[in-house]
Amino acid sequence: YNTFSLLGHDRGARVAYRMALDHPEIVRRIGIIEIIPTGDMWKHFNEK
């Protein structure tokens, strides 16, 4: 396949999100289910 749609859930959603960012020329559509928003994730990353 030259292009495809991608669906990710939980940790797989992070993989799908990264793949879509890294390869926008081949990922036509992306579906993300149950993922913490990226900004919130990094804001609290180092909290214990």
N, C-alpha and C. Protein backbone atom coordinates (compact mmCIF):
# COMPACT_ATOMS: atom_id res chain seq x y z
N TYR A 1 0.83 -1.18 0.00
CA TYR A 1 0.00 0.00 0.00
C TYR A 1 0.87 1.25 0.00
N ASN A 2 0.41 2.27 -0.70
CA ASN A 2 1.14 3.54 -0.73
C ASN A 2 0.72 4.48 0.39
N THR A 3 -0.57 4.42 0.75
CA THR A 3 -1.10 5.22 1.85
C THR A 3 -2.06 4.36 2.66
N PHE A 4 -2.34 4.77 3.88
CA PHE A 4 -3.28 4.01 4.70
C PHE A 4 -3.86 4.88 5.80
N SER A 5 -4.93 4.38 6.41
CA SER A 5 -5.55 5.01 7.58
C SER A 5 -5.05 4.26 8.80
N LEU A 6 -5.01 4.95 9.93
CA LEU A 6 -4.41 4.39 11.13
C LEU A 6 -5.33 4.63 12.32
N LEU A 7 -5.50 3.62 13.17
CA LEU A 7 -6.30 3.74 14.38
C LEU A 7 -5.48 3.23 15.55
N GLY A 8 -5.42 4.01 16.63
CA GLY A 8 -4.66 3.60 17.80
C GLY A 8 -5.44 3.83 19.08
N HIS A 9 -5.24 2.94 20.05
CA HIS A 9 -5.91 3.02 21.34
C HIS A 9 -4.88 2.99 22.46
N ASP A 10 -5.03 3.87 23.45
CA ASP A 10 -4.17 3.94 24.63
C ASP A 10 -2.71 4.10 24.20
N ARG A 11 -1.83 3.17 24.54
CA ARG A 11 -0.41 3.31 24.15
C ARG A 11 -0.23 3.22 22.64
N GLY A 12 -1.06 2.43 21.99
CA GLY A 12 -1.00 2.36 20.53
C GLY A 12 -1.39 3.68 19.89
N ALA A 13 -2.17 4.49 20.60
CA ALA A 13 -2.54 5.81 20.08
C ALA A 13 -1.31 6.71 20.01
N ARG A 14 -0.42 6.57 20.98
CA ARG A 14 0.83 7.35 20.93
C ARG A 14 1.69 6.95 19.74
N VAL A 15 1.74 5.66 19.47
CA VAL A 15 2.50 5.17 18.31
C VAL A 15 1.87 5.71 17.03
N ALA A 16 0.55 5.63 16.92
CA ALA A 16 -0.15 6.11 15.73
C ALA A 16 0.07 7.61 15.55
N TYR A 17 -0.02 8.37 16.64
CA TYR A 17 0.18 9.82 16.61
C TYR A 17 1.58 10.16 16.11
N ARG A 18 2.58 9.49 16.64
CA ARG A 18 3.97 9.73 16.23
C ARG A 18 4.20 9.35 14.77
N MET A 19 3.61 8.22 14.37
CA MET A 19 3.76 7.77 12.99
C MET A 19 3.15 8.77 12.02
N ALA A 20 1.98 9.30 12.37
CA ALA A 20 1.33 10.29 11.51
C ALA A 20 2.15 11.57 11.42
N LEU A 21 2.78 11.97 12.53
CA LEU A 21 3.64 13.16 12.50
C LEU A 21 4.90 12.92 11.67
N ASP A 22 5.48 11.74 11.80
CA ASP A 22 6.73 11.43 11.11
C ASP A 22 6.54 11.10 9.63
N HIS A 23 5.36 10.61 9.25
CA HIS A 23 5.13 10.16 7.87
C HIS A 23 3.79 10.67 7.32
N PRO A 24 3.60 11.98 7.26
CA PRO A 24 2.31 12.51 6.79
C PRO A 24 2.02 12.19 5.32
N GLU A 25 3.04 11.85 4.58
CA GLU A 25 2.84 11.53 3.16
C GLU A 25 2.18 10.17 2.95
N ILE A 26 2.20 9.30 3.94
CA ILE A 26 1.59 7.97 3.77
C ILE A 26 0.38 7.73 4.67
N VAL A 27 0.25 8.51 5.75
CA VAL A 27 -0.91 8.34 6.65
C VAL A 27 -2.00 9.30 6.19
N ARG A 28 -3.07 8.74 5.60
CA ARG A 28 -4.17 9.56 5.08
C ARG A 28 -5.08 10.08 6.18
N ARG A 29 -5.42 9.19 7.13
CA ARG A 29 -6.32 9.53 8.23
C ARG A 29 -5.81 8.85 9.49
N ILE A 30 -6.17 9.45 10.63
CA ILE A 30 -5.76 8.86 11.90
C ILE A 30 -6.93 8.94 12.88
N GLY A 31 -7.12 7.86 13.62
CA GLY A 31 -8.11 7.82 14.69
C GLY A 31 -7.39 7.53 15.99
N ILE A 32 -7.64 8.37 16.99
CA ILE A 32 -6.98 8.24 18.28
C ILE A 32 -8.07 8.02 19.33
N ILE A 33 -7.96 6.94 20.10
CA ILE A 33 -8.97 6.61 21.10
C ILE A 33 -8.31 6.51 22.48
N GLU A 34 -8.87 7.23 23.45
CA GLU A 34 -8.44 7.18 24.84
C GLU A 34 -6.93 7.41 25.01
N ILE A 35 -6.53 8.64 24.74
CA ILE A 35 -5.14 9.04 24.94
C ILE A 35 -5.13 10.34 25.74
N ILE A 36 -4.18 10.48 26.66
CA ILE A 36 -4.03 11.73 27.40
C ILE A 36 -3.53 12.78 26.42
N PRO A 37 -4.11 13.98 26.42
CA PRO A 37 -3.62 15.02 25.51
C PRO A 37 -2.12 15.24 25.68
N THR A 38 -1.43 15.40 24.57
CA THR A 38 0.03 15.48 24.58
C THR A 38 0.57 16.59 25.48
N GLY A 39 -0.03 17.77 25.43
CA GLY A 39 0.43 18.88 26.28
C GLY A 39 0.34 18.55 27.75
N ASP A 40 -0.76 17.94 28.17
CA ASP A 40 -0.92 17.54 29.57
C ASP A 40 0.09 16.47 29.96
N MET A 41 0.36 15.57 29.06
CA MET A 41 1.30 14.49 29.36
C MET A 41 2.68 15.07 29.67
N TRP A 42 3.18 15.96 28.83
CA TRP A 42 4.52 16.50 29.03
C TRP A 42 4.58 17.44 30.22
N LYS A 43 3.49 18.15 30.50
CA LYS A 43 3.46 19.08 31.62
C LYS A 43 3.66 18.35 32.95
N HIS A 44 3.12 17.13 33.07
CA HIS A 44 3.19 16.37 34.31
C HIS A 44 4.18 15.20 34.24
N PHE A 45 5.01 15.16 33.23
CA PHE A 45 5.88 14.02 32.98
C PHE A 45 6.82 13.71 34.15
N ASN A 46 7.41 14.73 34.75
CA ASN A 46 8.40 14.50 35.80
C ASN A 46 7.84 14.54 37.21
N GLU A 47 6.52 14.69 37.35
CA GLU A 47 5.92 14.68 38.68
C GLU A 47 5.93 13.29 39.27
N LYS A 48 6.02 13.21 40.59
CA LYS A 48 6.01 11.90 41.25
C LYS A 48 4.74 11.74 42.03
